[in-house]
Structures are given as C-alpha cells and as structure tokens.
Amino acid sequence: MEEVIFSAGLVYLYLNGYVENEMLCIQSIDTYRHFEDGFYQHVIEGSTIADEDDEIVHIFAIVGIKEKANQIYFMLENTLKDNFNHILAGENIKKSSKMLDKTGNAFFNVIKLRK
C-alpha cells in the first residue's frame, strides 16, 4: 500500500505574469493564503481570466522541504504523462491520487486542467 504524502510543511503556488503598460504584473495564489478548496477556486478564476491572453505565463510550484516537494513533483509529472497517454488511447484519466492528501489533490486538479 502506498503511503499518503501530507502537505504539512509545503506551499503550493500558482503564479501568472504579464506585461501591462510596459510593467511586469504578477498574480500569486498559494495554499498559505487560500487553503484547499479556496486555493482551487482562486486559481481557476485567475487562470481562466489569464487564458484570454496568449502572452500570459503560468507557473506552478511546490515550495518547502526538498525531499517531500520533489516526491510530489515526480509523482505529478508521472501521473500527467500517464494521463496524456490515456487520452491518446481514448481511456479515462486519473482525477486524483491516493498518494496525495486533499490539498495536494486540489493542486493536482488545477494542473491537469491547464492546456
């Protein structure tokens, strides 16, 4: 049985950046200020608006204990690759991971919805 990776000690972060009137503007949403579902909703709202401009850059990050952050990063990367292959094969994709707690799965859900 796989062990759940708890989000304690980690901050999940979403940034988007764009240039407006020759100035760099950055929007930051993180799980420190917006916990669990609040994080998910704020990122969806912010990124939906940001998607209207092709020049906006989206950045997703996991900040915290290196070993734990890397463990989650590699798990997410592998799951996204698997989901891509499932899409190509016409199969269902994974919508969450048993290895992540609720906060980690909220972050995963935001990432898998990005274009």
PDB file of N, CA and C in Angstrom:
ATOM      1  N   MET A   1       0.842  -1.181   0.000  1.00  0.00           N
ATOM      2  CA  MET A   1       0.000   0.000   0.000  1.00  0.00           C
ATOM      3  C   MET A   1       0.892   1.252   0.000  1.00  0.00           C
ATOM      4  N   GLU A   2       0.509   2.234  -0.819  1.00  0.00           N
ATOM      5  CA  GLU A   2       1.274   3.476  -0.907  1.00  0.00           C
ATOM      6  C   GLU A   2       0.958   4.379   0.276  1.00  0.00           C
ATOM      7  N   GLU A   3       1.974   5.080   0.737  1.00  0.00           N
ATOM      8  CA  GLU A   3       1.812   5.993   1.862  1.00  0.00           C
ATOM      9  C   GLU A   3       1.393   7.375   1.355  1.00  0.00           C
ATOM     10  N   VAL A   4       0.452   8.010   2.039  1.00  0.00           N
ATOM     11  CA  VAL A   4      -0.030   9.336   1.654  1.00  0.00           C
ATOM     12  C   VAL A   4       1.037  10.382   1.959  1.00  0.00           C
ATOM     13  N   ILE A   5       1.250  11.277   0.996  1.00  0.00           N
ATOM     14  CA  ILE A   5       2.174  12.394   1.192  1.00  0.00           C
ATOM     15  C   ILE A   5       1.359  13.567   1.725  1.00  0.00           C
ATOM     16  N   PHE A   6       1.606  13.949   2.966  1.00  0.00           N
ATOM     17  CA  PHE A   6       0.867  15.057   3.561  1.00  0.00           C
ATOM     18  C   PHE A   6       1.495  16.389   3.166  1.00  0.00           C
ATOM     19  N   SER A   7       0.686  17.407   3.050  1.00  0.00           N
ATOM     20  CA  SER A   7       1.129  18.723   2.587  1.00  0.00           C
ATOM     21  C   SER A   7       1.707  19.596   3.688  1.00  0.00           C
ATOM     22  N   ALA A   8       1.757  19.105   4.909  1.00  0.00           N
ATOM     23  CA  ALA A   8       2.337  19.888   6.001  1.00  0.00           C
ATOM     24  C   ALA A   8       3.774  20.243   5.652  1.00  0.00           C
ATOM     25  N   GLY A   9       4.123  21.506   5.808  1.00  0.00           N
ATOM     26  CA  GLY A   9       5.467  21.975   5.500  1.00  0.00           C
ATOM     27  C   GLY A   9       5.660  22.383   4.052  1.00  0.00           C
ATOM     28  N   LEU A  10       4.611  22.289   3.240  1.00  0.00           N
ATOM     29  CA  LEU A  10       4.691  22.660   1.829  1.00  0.00           C
ATOM     30  C   LEU A  10       3.743  23.811   1.513  1.00  0.00           C
ATOM     31  N   VAL A  11       4.109  24.596   0.529  1.00  0.00           N
ATOM     32  CA  VAL A  11       3.217  25.620  -0.014  1.00  0.00           C
ATOM     33  C   VAL A  11       3.089  25.341  -1.502  1.00  0.00           C
ATOM     34  N   TYR A  12       1.855  25.171  -1.962  1.00  0.00           N
ATOM     35  CA  TYR A  12       1.589  25.020  -3.392  1.00  0.00           C
ATOM     36  C   TYR A  12       1.320  26.420  -3.924  1.00  0.00           C
ATOM     37  N   LEU A  13       1.916  26.739  -5.066  1.00  0.00           N
ATOM     38  CA  LEU A  13       1.914  28.106  -5.560  1.00  0.00           C
ATOM     39  C   LEU A  13       1.542  28.156  -7.031  1.00  0.00           C
ATOM     40  N   TYR A  14       0.702  29.125  -7.387  1.00  0.00           N
ATOM     41  CA  TYR A  14       0.383  29.412  -8.786  1.00  0.00           C
ATOM     42  C   TYR A  14       0.695  30.881  -9.035  1.00  0.00           C
ATOM     43  N   LEU A  15       1.488  31.130 -10.067  1.00  0.00           N
ATOM     44  CA  LEU A  15       1.804  32.500 -10.476  1.00  0.00           C
ATOM     45  C   LEU A  15       1.416  32.675 -11.931  1.00  0.00           C
ATOM     46  N   ASN A  16       0.927  33.855 -12.263  1.00  0.00           N
ATOM     47  CA  ASN A  16       0.853  34.187 -13.676  1.00  0.00           C
ATOM     48  C   ASN A  16       1.423  35.587 -13.845  1.00  0.00           C
ATOM     49  N   GLY A  17       2.089  35.797 -14.946  1.00  0.00           N
ATOM     50  CA  GLY A  17       2.740  37.071 -15.183  1.00  0.00           C
ATOM     51  C   GLY A  17       2.449  37.583 -16.575  1.00  0.00           C
ATOM     52  N   TYR A  18       2.359  38.898 -16.679  1.00  0.00           N
ATOM     53  CA  TYR A  18       2.077  39.524 -17.958  1.00  0.00           C
ATOM     54  C   TYR A  18       2.620  40.946 -17.939  1.00  0.00           C
ATOM     55  N   VAL A  19       2.745  41.523 -19.115  1.00  0.00           N
ATOM     56  CA  VAL A  19       3.227  42.901 -19.243  1.00  0.00           C
ATOM     57  C   VAL A  19       2.030  43.787 -19.543  1.00  0.00           C
ATOM     58  N   GLU A  20       1.920  44.866 -18.775  1.00  0.00           N
ATOM     59  CA  GLU A  20       0.842  45.830 -18.983  1.00  0.00           C
ATOM     60  C   GLU A  20       1.423  47.226 -18.833  1.00  0.00           C
ATOM     61  N   ASN A  21       1.243  48.059 -19.848  1.00  0.00           N
ATOM     62  CA  ASN A  21       1.803  49.414 -19.844  1.00  0.00           C
ATOM     63  C   ASN A  21       3.296  49.401 -19.530  1.00  0.00           C
ATOM     64  N   GLU A  22       4.021  48.477 -20.187  1.00  0.00           N
ATOM     65  CA  GLU A  22       5.468  48.326 -20.039  1.00  0.00           C
ATOM     66  C   GLU A  22       5.912  47.969 -18.613  1.00  0.00           C
ATOM     67  N   MET A  23       4.994  47.433 -17.819  1.00  0.00           N
ATOM     68  CA  MET A  23       5.331  46.991 -16.459  1.00  0.00           C
ATOM     69  C   MET A  23       4.982  45.512 -16.322  1.00  0.00           C
ATOM     70  N   LEU A  24       5.811  44.781 -15.588  1.00  0.00           N
ATOM     71  CA  LEU A  24       5.550  43.371 -15.331  1.00  0.00           C
ATOM     72  C   LEU A  24       4.562  43.252 -14.174  1.00  0.00           C
ATOM     73  N   CYS A  25       3.466  42.569 -14.419  1.00  0.00           N
ATOM     74  CA  CYS A  25       2.444  42.347 -13.389  1.00  0.00           C
ATOM     75  C   CYS A  25       2.423  40.854 -13.051  1.00  0.00           C
ATOM     76  N   ILE A  26       2.343  40.558 -11.763  1.00  0.00           N
ATOM     77  CA  ILE A  26       2.346  39.165 -11.314  1.00  0.00           C
ATOM     78  C   ILE A  26       1.188  38.945 -10.344  1.00  0.00           C
ATOM     79  N   GLN A  27       0.442  37.865 -10.586  1.00  0.00           N
ATOM     80  CA  GLN A  27      -0.618  37.442  -9.670  1.00  0.00           C
ATOM     81  C   GLN A  27      -0.123  36.185  -8.964  1.00  0.00           C
ATOM     82  N   SER A  28      -0.248  36.132  -7.658  1.00  0.00           N
ATOM     83  CA  SER A  28       0.222  34.996  -6.877  1.00  0.00           C
ATOM     84  C   SER A  28      -0.924  34.438  -6.039  1.00  0.00           C
ATOM     85  N   ILE A  29      -1.124  33.129  -6.120  1.00  0.00           N
ATOM     86  CA  ILE A  29      -2.133  32.445  -5.308  1.00  0.00           C
ATOM     87  C   ILE A  29      -1.443  31.242  -4.683  1.00  0.00           C
ATOM     88  N   ASP A  30      -1.563  31.090  -3.375  1.00  0.00           N
ATOM     89  CA  ASP A  30      -0.885  29.973  -2.718  1.00  0.00           C
ATOM     90  C   ASP A  30      -1.766  29.362  -1.635  1.00  0.00           C
ATOM     91  N   THR A  31      -1.348  28.174  -1.188  1.00  0.00           N
ATOM     92  CA  THR A  31      -2.127  27.454  -0.179  1.00  0.00           C
ATOM     93  C   THR A  31      -1.910  28.001   1.219  1.00  0.00           C
ATOM     94  N   TYR A  32      -0.980  28.913   1.387  1.00  0.00           N
ATOM     95  CA  TYR A  32      -0.816  29.577   2.689  1.00  0.00           C
ATOM     96  C   TYR A  32      -1.959  30.558   2.915  1.00  0.00           C
ATOM     97  N   ARG A  33      -2.315  31.296   1.877  1.00  0.00           N
ATOM     98  CA  ARG A  33      -3.406  32.273   1.984  1.00  0.00           C
ATOM     99  C   ARG A  33      -4.772  31.686   1.639  1.00  0.00           C
ATOM    100  N   HIS A  34      -4.793  30.686   0.759  1.00  0.00           N
ATOM    101  CA  HIS A  34      -6.054  30.081   0.305  1.00  0.00           C
ATOM    102  C   HIS A  34      -5.932  28.576   0.472  1.00  0.00           C
ATOM    103  N   PHE A  35      -6.508  28.036   1.498  1.00  0.00           N
ATOM    104  CA  PHE A  35      -6.347  26.635   1.853  1.00  0.00           C
ATOM    105  C   PHE A  35      -7.314  25.741   1.080  1.00  0.00           C
ATOM    106  N   GLU A  36      -6.837  24.579   0.638  1.00  0.00           N
ATOM    107  CA  GLU A  36      -7.602  23.511  -0.010  1.00  0.00           C
ATOM    108  C   GLU A  36      -8.528  24.014  -1.103  1.00  0.00           C
ATOM    109  N   ASP A  37      -9.843  23.903  -0.916  1.00  0.00           N
ATOM    110  CA  ASP A  37     -10.783  24.255  -1.974  1.00  0.00           C
ATOM    111  C   ASP A  37     -10.724  25.733  -2.340  1.00  0.00           C
ATOM    112  N   GLY A  38     -10.418  26.595  -1.373  1.00  0.00           N
ATOM    113  CA  GLY A  38     -10.282  28.016  -1.664  1.00  0.00           C
ATOM    114  C   GLY A  38      -9.144  28.263  -2.636  1.00  0.00           C
ATOM    115  N   PHE A  39      -8.058  27.522  -2.492  1.00  0.00           N
ATOM    116  CA  PHE A  39      -6.923  27.615  -3.417  1.00  0.00           C
ATOM    117  C   PHE A  39      -7.378  27.230  -4.819  1.00  0.00           C
ATOM    118  N   TYR A  40      -8.041  26.097  -4.927  1.00  0.00           N
ATOM    119  CA  TYR A  40      -8.507  25.596  -6.219  1.00  0.00           C
ATOM    120  C   TYR A  40      -9.399  26.628  -6.912  1.00  0.00           C
ATOM    121  N   GLN A  41     -10.373  27.156  -6.191  1.00  0.00           N
ATOM    122  CA  GLN A  41     -11.297  28.128  -6.785  1.00  0.00           C
ATOM    123  C   GLN A  41     -10.591  29.396  -7.230  1.00  0.00           C
ATOM    124  N   HIS A  42      -9.689  29.912  -6.402  1.00  0.00           N
ATOM    125  CA  HIS A  42      -8.969  31.137  -6.763  1.00  0.00           C
ATOM    126  C   HIS A  42      -8.072  30.928  -7.990  1.00  0.00           C
ATOM    127  N   VAL A  43      -7.417  29.777  -8.079  1.00  0.00           N
ATOM    128  CA  VAL A  43      -6.562  29.512  -9.240  1.00  0.00           C
ATOM    129  C   VAL A  43      -7.407  29.373 -10.498  1.00  0.00           C
ATOM    130  N   ILE A  44      -8.515  28.667 -10.414  1.00  0.00           N
ATOM    131  CA  ILE A  44      -9.384  28.512 -11.584  1.00  0.00           C
ATOM    132  C   ILE A  44      -9.877  29.872 -12.061  1.00  0.00           C
ATOM    133  N   GLU A  45     -10.306  30.717 -11.145  1.00  0.00           N
ATOM    134  CA  GLU A  45     -10.778  32.061 -11.520  1.00  0.00           C
ATOM    135  C   GLU A  45      -9.650  32.876 -12.150  1.00  0.00           C
ATOM    136  N   GLY A  46      -8.492  32.905 -11.502  1.00  0.00           N
ATOM    137  CA  GLY A  46      -7.374  33.692 -12.005  1.00  0.00           C
ATOM    138  C   GLY A  46      -6.838  33.186 -13.326  1.00  0.00           C
ATOM    139  N   SER A  47      -6.736  31.877 -13.470  1.00  0.00           N
ATOM    140  CA  SER A  47      -6.176  31.329 -14.707  1.00  0.00           C
ATOM    141  C   SER A  47      -7.162  31.399 -15.862  1.00  0.00           C
ATOM    142  N   THR A  48      -8.453  31.358 -15.583  1.00  0.00           N
ATOM    143  CA  THR A  48      -9.451  31.495 -16.637  1.00  0.00           C
ATOM    144  C   THR A  48      -9.350  32.879 -17.269  1.00  0.00           C
ATOM    145  N   ILE A  49      -9.217  33.891 -16.439  1.00  0.00           N
ATOM    146  CA  ILE A  49      -9.038  35.262 -16.946  1.00  0.00           C
ATOM    147  C   ILE A  49      -7.718  35.360 -17.702  1.00  0.00           C
ATOM    148  N   ALA A  50      -6.663  34.761 -17.145  1.00  0.00           N
ATOM    149  CA  ALA A  50      -5.330  34.814 -17.763  1.00  0.00           C
ATOM    150  C   ALA A  50      -5.299  34.092 -19.106  1.00  0.00           C
ATOM    151  N   ASP A  51      -6.111  33.068 -19.283  1.00  0.00           N
ATOM    152  CA  ASP A  51      -6.128  32.312 -20.545  1.00  0.00           C
ATOM    153  C   ASP A  51      -6.596  33.145 -21.721  1.00  0.00           C
ATOM    154  N   GLU A  52      -7.229  34.271 -21.471  1.00  0.00           N
ATOM    155  CA  GLU A  52      -7.708  35.118 -22.550  1.00  0.00           C
ATOM    156  C   GLU A  52      -6.572  35.822 -23.285  1.00  0.00           C
ATOM    157  N   ASP A  53      -5.367  35.810 -22.718  1.00  0.00           N
ATOM    158  CA  ASP A  53      -4.206  36.460 -23.315  1.00  0.00           C
ATOM    159  C   ASP A  53      -3.098  35.425 -23.486  1.00  0.00           C
ATOM    160  N   ASP A  54      -2.694  35.171 -24.742  1.00  0.00           N
ATOM    161  CA  ASP A  54      -1.660  34.167 -25.024  1.00  0.00           C
ATOM    162  C   ASP A  54      -0.286  34.553 -24.491  1.00  0.00           C
ATOM    163  N   GLU A  55      -0.084  35.800 -24.115  1.00  0.00           N
ATOM    164  CA  GLU A  55       1.226  36.244 -23.648  1.00  0.00           C
ATOM    165  C   GLU A  55       1.396  36.110 -22.140  1.00  0.00           C
ATOM    166  N   ILE A  56       0.373  35.633 -21.456  1.00  0.00           N
ATOM    167  CA  ILE A  56       0.468  35.428 -20.008  1.00  0.00           C
ATOM    168  C   ILE A  56       1.152  34.095 -19.730  1.00  0.00           C
ATOM    169  N   VAL A  57       2.109  34.109 -18.819  1.00  0.00           N
ATOM    170  CA  VAL A  57       2.860  32.910 -18.442  1.00  0.00           C
ATOM    171  C   VAL A  57       2.280  32.349 -17.148  1.00  0.00           C
ATOM    172  N   HIS A  58       2.021  31.042 -17.127  1.00  0.00           N
ATOM    173  CA  HIS A  58       1.521  30.353 -15.937  1.00  0.00           C
ATOM    174  C   HIS A  58       2.662  29.557 -15.319  1.00  0.00           C
ATOM    175  N   ILE A  59       2.837  29.659 -14.005  1.00  0.00           N
ATOM    176  CA  ILE A  59       3.867  28.896 -13.302  1.00  0.00           C
ATOM    177  C   ILE A  59       3.230  28.213 -12.094  1.00  0.00           C
ATOM    178  N   PHE A  60       3.460  26.902 -11.978  1.00  0.00           N
ATOM    179  CA  PHE A  60       3.009  26.133 -10.825  1.00  0.00           C
ATOM    180  C   PHE A  60       4.253  25.662 -10.078  1.00  0.00           C
ATOM    181  N   ALA A  61       4.250  25.786  -8.756  1.00  0.00           N
ATOM    182  CA  ALA A  61       5.426  25.404  -7.978  1.00  0.00           C
ATOM    183  C   ALA A  61       5.010  24.781  -6.649  1.00  0.00           C
ATOM    184  N   ILE A  62       5.927  23.969  -6.124  1.00  0.00           N
ATOM    185  CA  ILE A  62       5.775  23.387  -4.793  1.00  0.00           C
ATOM    186  C   ILE A  62       6.987  23.858  -4.002  1.00  0.00           C
ATOM    187  N   VAL A  63       6.746  24.566  -2.913  1.00  0.00           N
ATOM    188  CA  VAL A  63       7.821  25.141  -2.115  1.00  0.00           C
ATOM    189  C   VAL A  63       7.813  24.485  -0.744  1.00  0.00           C
ATOM    190  N   GLY A  64       8.987  24.105  -0.267  1.00  0.00           N
ATOM    191  CA  GLY A  64       9.066  23.519   1.064  1.00  0.00           C
ATOM    192  C   GLY A  64      10.194  22.525   1.175  1.00  0.00           C
ATOM    193  N   ILE A  65      10.011  21.539   2.015  1.00  0.00           N
ATOM    194  CA  ILE A  65      11.025  20.523   2.269  1.00  0.00           C
ATOM    195  C   ILE A  65      11.389  19.842   0.945  1.00  0.00           C
ATOM    196  N   LYS A  66      12.666  19.926   0.582  1.00  0.00           N
ATOM    197  CA  LYS A  66      13.127  19.482  -0.739  1.00  0.00           C
ATOM    198  C   LYS A  66      12.700  18.054  -1.067  1.00  0.00           C
ATOM    199  N   GLU A  67      12.933  17.128  -0.179  1.00  0.00           N
ATOM    200  CA  GLU A  67      12.624  15.727  -0.450  1.00  0.00           C
ATOM    201  C   GLU A  67      11.128  15.515  -0.696  1.00  0.00           C
ATOM    202  N   LYS A  68      10.316  16.150   0.138  1.00  0.00           N
ATOM    203  CA  LYS A  68       8.864  15.990   0.003  1.00  0.00           C
ATOM    204  C   LYS A  68       8.361  16.682  -1.270  1.00  0.00           C
ATOM    205  N   ALA A  69       8.854  17.889  -1.548  1.00  0.00           N
ATOM    206  CA  ALA A  69       8.449  18.619  -2.753  1.00  0.00           C
ATOM    207  C   ALA A  69       8.840  17.844  -4.007  1.00  0.00           C
ATOM    208  N   ASN A  70      10.055  17.292  -4.022  1.00  0.00           N
ATOM    209  CA  ASN A  70      10.500  16.506  -5.177  1.00  0.00           C
ATOM    210  C   ASN A  70       9.670  15.243  -5.349  1.00  0.00           C
ATOM    211  N   GLN A  71       9.312  14.605  -4.247  1.00  0.00           N
ATOM    212  CA  GLN A  71       8.492  13.393  -4.296  1.00  0.00           C
ATOM    213  C   GLN A  71       7.142  13.701  -4.953  1.00  0.00           C
ATOM    214  N   ILE A  72       6.531  14.801  -4.546  1.00  0.00           N
ATOM    215  CA  ILE A  72       5.245  15.186  -5.132  1.00  0.00           C
ATOM    216  C   ILE A  72       5.422  15.586  -6.593  1.00  0.00           C
ATOM    217  N   TYR A  73       6.484  16.346  -6.890  1.00  0.00           N
ATOM    218  CA  TYR A  73       6.735  16.768  -8.263  1.00  0.00           C
ATOM    219  C   TYR A  73       6.841  15.569  -9.203  1.00  0.00           C
ATOM    220  N   PHE A  74       7.656  14.577  -8.831  1.00  0.00           N
ATOM    221  CA  PHE A  74       7.843  13.410  -9.692  1.00  0.00           C
ATOM    222  C   PHE A  74       6.563  12.587  -9.814  1.00  0.00           C
ATOM    223  N   MET A  75       5.800  12.480  -8.734  1.00  0.00           N
ATOM    224  CA  MET A  75       4.533  11.758  -8.790  1.00  0.00           C
ATOM    225  C   MET A  75       3.562  12.467  -9.737  1.00  0.00           C
ATOM    226  N   LEU A  76       3.485  13.817  -9.636  1.00  0.00           N
ATOM    227  CA  LEU A  76       2.601  14.584 -10.524  1.00  0.00           C
ATOM    228  C   LEU A  76       3.060  14.474 -11.973  1.00  0.00           C
ATOM    229  N   GLU A  77       4.358  14.597 -12.202  1.00  0.00           N
ATOM    230  CA  GLU A  77       4.897  14.508 -13.559  1.00  0.00           C
ATOM    231  C   GLU A  77       4.559  13.158 -14.193  1.00  0.00           C
ATOM    232  N   ASN A  78       4.767  12.076 -13.461  1.00  0.00           N
ATOM    233  CA  ASN A  78       4.465  10.743 -13.990  1.00  0.00           C
ATOM    234  C   ASN A  78       2.976  10.553 -14.234  1.00  0.00           C
ATOM    235  N   THR A  79       2.142  11.053 -13.327  1.00  0.00           N
ATOM    236  CA  THR A  79       0.691  10.924 -13.494  1.00  0.00           C
ATOM    237  C   THR A  79       0.210  11.713 -14.699  1.00  0.00           C
ATOM    238  N   LEU A  80       0.763  12.920 -14.912  1.00  0.00           N
ATOM    239  CA  LEU A  80       0.376  13.720 -16.079  1.00  0.00           C
ATOM    240  C   LEU A  80       0.795  13.034 -17.377  1.00  0.00           C
ATOM    241  N   LYS A  81       1.974  12.427 -17.392  1.00  0.00           N
ATOM    242  CA  LYS A  81       2.417  11.676 -18.574  1.00  0.00           C
ATOM    243  C   LYS A  81       1.479  10.497 -18.836  1.00  0.00           C
ATOM    244  N   ASP A  82       1.134   9.776 -17.769  1.00  0.00           N
ATOM    245  CA  ASP A  82       0.202   8.653 -17.906  1.00  0.00           C
ATOM    246  C   ASP A  82      -1.148   9.129 -18.434  1.00  0.00           C
ATOM    247  N   ASN A  83      -1.640  10.251 -17.890  1.00  0.00           N
ATOM    248  CA  ASN A  83      -2.923  10.789 -18.347  1.00  0.00           C
ATOM    249  C   ASN A  83      -2.872  11.162 -19.823  1.00  0.00           C
ATOM    250  N   PHE A  84      -1.763  11.728 -20.270  1.00  0.00           N
ATOM    251  CA  PHE A  84      -1.619  12.077 -21.678  1.00  0.00           C
ATOM    252  C   PHE A  84      -1.729  10.827 -22.543  1.00  0.00           C
ATOM    253  N   ASN A  85      -1.055   9.764 -22.126  1.00  0.00           N
ATOM    254  CA  ASN A  85      -1.131   8.502 -22.873  1.00  0.00           C
ATOM    255  C   ASN A  85      -2.535   7.913 -22.839  1.00  0.00           C
ATOM    256  N   HIS A  86      -3.235   8.071 -21.715  1.00  0.00           N
ATOM    257  CA  HIS A  86      -4.629   7.591 -21.626  1.00  0.00           C
ATOM    258  C   HIS A  86      -5.528   8.375 -22.582  1.00  0.00           C
ATOM    259  N   ILE A  87      -5.305   9.671 -22.678  1.00  0.00           N
ATOM    260  CA  ILE A  87      -6.100  10.498 -23.599  1.00  0.00           C
ATOM    261  C   ILE A  87      -5.873  10.040 -25.036  1.00  0.00           C
ATOM    262  N   LEU A  88      -4.606   9.815 -25.405  1.00  0.00           N
ATOM    263  CA  LEU A  88      -4.291   9.353 -26.756  1.00  0.00           C
ATOM    264  C   LEU A  88      -4.930   8.008 -27.063  1.00  0.00           C
ATOM    265  N   ALA A  89      -5.071   7.169 -26.041  1.00  0.00           N
ATOM    266  CA  ALA A  89      -5.658   5.839 -26.219  1.00  0.00           C
ATOM    267  C   ALA A  89      -7.178   5.853 -26.054  1.00  0.00           C
ATOM    268  N   GLY A  90      -7.755   7.030 -25.769  1.00  0.00           N
ATOM    269  CA  GLY A  90      -9.201   7.130 -25.592  1.00  0.00           C
ATOM    270  C   GLY A  90      -9.681   6.568 -24.272  1.00  0.00           C
ATOM    271  N   GLU A  91      -8.793   6.507 -23.286  1.00  0.00           N
ATOM    272  CA  GLU A  91      -9.138   5.966 -21.971  1.00  0.00           C
ATOM    273  C   GLU A  91      -9.382   7.088 -20.964  1.00  0.00           C
ATOM    274  N   ASN A  92      -9.965   6.715 -19.833  1.00  0.00           N
ATOM    275  CA  ASN A  92     -10.200   7.682 -18.758  1.00  0.00           C
ATOM    276  C   ASN A  92      -8.892   8.090 -18.102  1.00  0.00           C
ATOM    277  N   ILE A  93      -8.849   9.330 -17.614  1.00  0.00           N
ATOM    278  CA  ILE A  93      -7.659   9.825 -16.932  1.00  0.00           C
ATOM    279  C   ILE A  93      -7.851   9.755 -15.423  1.00  0.00           C
ATOM    280  N   LYS A  94      -6.712   9.797 -14.700  1.00  0.00           N
ATOM    281  CA  LYS A  94      -6.761   9.850 -13.238  1.00  0.00           C
ATOM    282  C   LYS A  94      -7.179  11.249 -12.823  1.00  0.00           C
ATOM    283  N   LYS A  95      -8.144  11.336 -11.921  1.00  0.00           N
ATOM    284  CA  LYS A  95      -8.622  12.634 -11.465  1.00  0.00           C
ATOM    285  C   LYS A  95      -8.047  13.023 -10.116  1.00  0.00           C
ATOM    286  N   SER A  96      -7.446  12.080  -9.435  1.00  0.00           N
ATOM    287  CA  SER A  96      -6.811  12.346  -8.149  1.00  0.00           C
ATOM    288  C   SER A  96      -5.804  11.233  -7.890  1.00  0.00           C
ATOM    289  N   SER A  97      -5.056  11.396  -6.809  1.00  0.00           N
ATOM    290  CA  SER A  97      -4.063  10.388  -6.463  1.00  0.00           C
ATOM    291  C   SER A  97      -4.254   9.975  -5.007  1.00  0.00           C
ATOM    292  N   LYS A  98      -4.201   8.687  -4.774  1.00  0.00           N
ATOM    293  CA  LYS A  98      -4.290   8.183  -3.407  1.00  0.00           C
ATOM    294  C   LYS A  98      -3.044   8.536  -2.609  1.00  0.00           C
ATOM    295  N   MET A  99      -1.965   8.953  -3.315  1.00  0.00           N
ATOM    296  CA  MET A  99      -0.721   9.315  -2.635  1.00  0.00           C
ATOM    297  C   MET A  99      -0.760  10.733  -2.067  1.00  0.00           C
ATOM    298  N   LEU A 100      -1.742  11.546  -2.481  1.00  0.00           N
ATOM    299  CA  LEU A 100      -1.809  12.936  -2.036  1.00  0.00           C
ATOM    300  C   LEU A 100      -2.965  13.165  -1.082  1.00  0.00           C
ATOM    301  N   ASP A 101      -2.777  14.103  -0.166  1.00  0.00           N
ATOM    302  CA  ASP A 101      -3.872  14.500   0.716  1.00  0.00           C
ATOM    303  C   ASP A 101      -4.784  15.464  -0.053  1.00  0.00           C
ATOM    304  N   LYS A 102      -5.767  16.029   0.637  1.00  0.00           N
ATOM    305  CA  LYS A 102      -6.757  16.882  -0.021  1.00  0.00           C
ATOM    306  C   LYS A 102      -6.118  18.106  -0.673  1.00  0.00           C
ATOM    307  N   THR A 103      -5.175  18.748  -0.005  1.00  0.00           N
ATOM    308  CA  THR A 103      -4.514  19.933  -0.552  1.00  0.00           C
ATOM    309  C   THR A 103      -3.692  19.562  -1.784  1.00  0.00           C
ATOM    310  N   GLY A 104      -2.946  18.470  -1.709  1.00  0.00           N
ATOM    311  CA  GLY A 104      -2.161  18.010  -2.854  1.00  0.00           C
ATOM    312  C   GLY A 104      -3.029  17.669  -4.045  1.00  0.00           C
ATOM    313  N   ASN A 105      -4.181  17.064  -3.793  1.00  0.00           N
ATOM    314  CA  ASN A 105      -5.097  16.733  -4.889  1.00  0.00           C
ATOM    315  C   ASN A 105      -5.750  17.979  -5.486  1.00  0.00           C
ATOM    316  N   ALA A 106      -5.980  19.006  -4.672  1.00  0.00           N
ATOM    317  CA  ALA A 106      -6.501  20.274  -5.215  1.00  0.00           C
ATOM    318  C   ALA A 106      -5.486  20.860  -6.190  1.00  0.00           C
ATOM    319  N   PHE A 107      -4.200  20.823  -5.839  1.00  0.00           N
ATOM    320  CA  PHE A 107      -3.137  21.305  -6.717  1.00  0.00           C
ATOM    321  C   PHE A 107      -3.077  20.466  -7.987  1.00  0.00           C
ATOM    322  N   PHE A 108      -3.165  19.149  -7.848  1.00  0.00           N
ATOM    323  CA  PHE A 108      -3.152  18.233  -8.983  1.00  0.00           C
ATOM    324  C   PHE A 108      -4.319  18.543  -9.925  1.00  0.00           C
ATOM    325  N   ASN A 109      -5.496  18.790  -9.372  1.00  0.00           N
ATOM    326  CA  ASN A 109      -6.668  19.081 -10.202  1.00  0.00           C
ATOM    327  C   ASN A 109      -6.489  20.362 -11.000  1.00  0.00           C
ATOM    328  N   VAL A 110      -5.859  21.358 -10.422  1.00  0.00           N
ATOM    329  CA  VAL A 110      -5.624  22.610 -11.137  1.00  0.00           C
ATOM    330  C   VAL A 110      -4.652  22.367 -12.293  1.00  0.00           C
ATOM    331  N   ILE A 111      -3.583  21.629 -12.026  1.00  0.00           N
ATOM    332  CA  ILE A 111      -2.579  21.379 -13.066  1.00  0.00           C
ATOM    333  C   ILE A 111      -3.155  20.574 -14.223  1.00  0.00           C
ATOM    334  N   LYS A 112      -3.918  19.546 -13.933  1.00  0.00           N
ATOM    335  CA  LYS A 112      -4.420  18.685 -15.008  1.00  0.00           C
ATOM    336  C   LYS A 112      -5.459  19.394 -15.885  1.00  0.00           C
ATOM    337  N   LEU A 113      -6.014  20.494 -15.395  1.00  0.00           N
ATOM    338  CA  LEU A 113      -6.990  21.248 -16.194  1.00  0.00           C
ATOM    339  C   LEU A 113      -6.334  22.265 -17.123  1.00  0.00           C
ATOM    340  N   ARG A 114      -5.056  22.532 -16.939  1.00  0.00           N
ATOM    341  CA  ARG A 114      -4.368  23.515 -17.772  1.00  0.00           C
ATOM    342  C   ARG A 114      -4.171  22.975 -19.168  1.00  0.00           C
ATOM    343  N   LYS A 115      -4.156  23.846 -20.120  1.00  0.00           N
ATOM    344  CA  LYS A 115      -3.965  23.470 -21.526  1.00  0.00           C
ATOM    345  C   LYS A 115      -2.523  23.119 -21.776  1.00  0.00           C
TER     346      LYS A 115
END
